[in-house]
């Protein structure tokens, strides 16, 4: 289980961990998965993050937004 001692229940805090996790999916076997599957995996791996715990649907939406914003899709 990951520690989130400096994590907050907001989209910015989630975005920080999402961006780091997304970069890791670009270098491994997850490249064969769809974007949505990779996002779901990141959310599942970080399910104890305060924002994911309180708003999993919003976390998914924030992830999709960040990928469009940063042109990472």
Protein backbone atom coordinates (compact mmCIF):
# COMPACT_ATOMS: atom_id res chain seq x y z
CA UNK A 1 0.00 0.00 0.00
CA UNK A 2 1.33 3.43 -0.95
CA UNK A 3 1.65 6.24 1.56
CA UNK A 4 0.00 9.54 0.69
CA UNK A 5 1.07 11.66 3.64
CA UNK A 6 1.46 14.79 1.48
CA UNK A 7 -1.57 14.11 -0.71
CA UNK A 8 -4.71 16.17 -0.64
CA UNK A 9 -8.28 15.51 -1.64
CA UNK A 10 -8.12 17.62 -4.78
CA UNK A 11 -7.48 17.29 -8.50
CA UNK A 12 -4.07 18.95 -8.36
CA UNK A 13 -2.76 16.44 -5.87
CA UNK A 14 -4.11 13.59 -7.99
CA UNK A 15 -2.64 15.12 -11.17
CA UNK A 16 0.82 15.04 -9.66
CA UNK A 17 0.73 11.32 -8.99
CA UNK A 18 -1.12 10.62 -12.25
CA UNK A 19 1.49 12.37 -14.41
CA UNK A 20 4.29 10.36 -12.83
CA UNK A 21 2.39 7.09 -13.16
CA UNK A 22 1.42 7.83 -16.77
CA UNK A 23 5.05 8.32 -17.76
CA UNK A 24 5.80 4.83 -16.42
CA UNK A 25 3.11 3.30 -18.66
CA UNK A 26 4.92 4.63 -21.71
CA UNK A 27 7.93 2.41 -21.07
CA UNK A 28 6.44 -0.97 -20.29
CA UNK A 29 4.01 -3.64 -21.39
CA UNK A 30 1.00 -1.41 -20.69
CA UNK A 31 1.54 0.29 -24.04
CA UNK A 32 -0.57 -2.52 -25.54
CA UNK A 33 -3.56 -1.45 -23.42
CA UNK A 34 -6.04 1.24 -24.38
CA UNK A 35 -5.74 4.68 -22.84
CA UNK A 36 -8.82 4.02 -20.68
CA UNK A 37 -7.38 0.71 -19.46
CA UNK A 38 -4.10 2.38 -18.54
CA UNK A 39 -5.94 5.11 -16.65
CA UNK A 40 -8.00 2.49 -14.80
CA UNK A 41 -4.82 0.66 -13.84
CA UNK A 42 -3.29 3.86 -12.46
CA UNK A 43 -6.45 4.60 -10.50
CA UNK A 44 -6.51 1.07 -9.11
CA UNK A 45 -2.82 1.19 -8.16
CA UNK A 46 -3.41 4.49 -6.33
CA UNK A 47 -6.86 3.74 -4.93
CA UNK A 48 -5.84 4.98 -1.46
CA UNK A 49 -5.13 8.51 -2.71
CA UNK A 50 -7.66 10.86 -1.03
CA UNK A 51 -9.05 12.25 -4.32
CA UNK A 52 -9.51 8.79 -5.83
CA UNK A 53 -11.17 7.53 -2.66
CA UNK A 54 -13.68 10.38 -2.58
CA UNK A 55 -14.26 10.87 -6.32
CA UNK A 56 -13.12 7.99 -8.53
CA UNK A 57 -15.22 9.15 -11.48
CA UNK A 58 -13.79 12.65 -11.27
CA UNK A 59 -10.29 11.19 -11.04
CA UNK A 60 -10.88 9.39 -14.32
CA UNK A 61 -12.16 12.62 -15.90
CA UNK A 62 -9.18 14.58 -14.59
CA UNK A 63 -6.84 11.96 -16.04
CA UNK A 64 -8.50 12.19 -19.48
CA UNK A 65 -8.36 16.00 -19.30
CA UNK A 66 -4.65 15.99 -18.44
CA UNK A 67 -3.86 13.70 -21.33
CA UNK A 68 -5.68 16.04 -23.74
CA UNK A 69 -4.19 19.15 -22.12
CA UNK A 70 -0.64 17.85 -22.29
CA UNK A 71 -1.24 16.09 -25.63
CA UNK A 72 -0.14 12.73 -24.25
CA UNK A 73 -2.86 10.55 -25.77
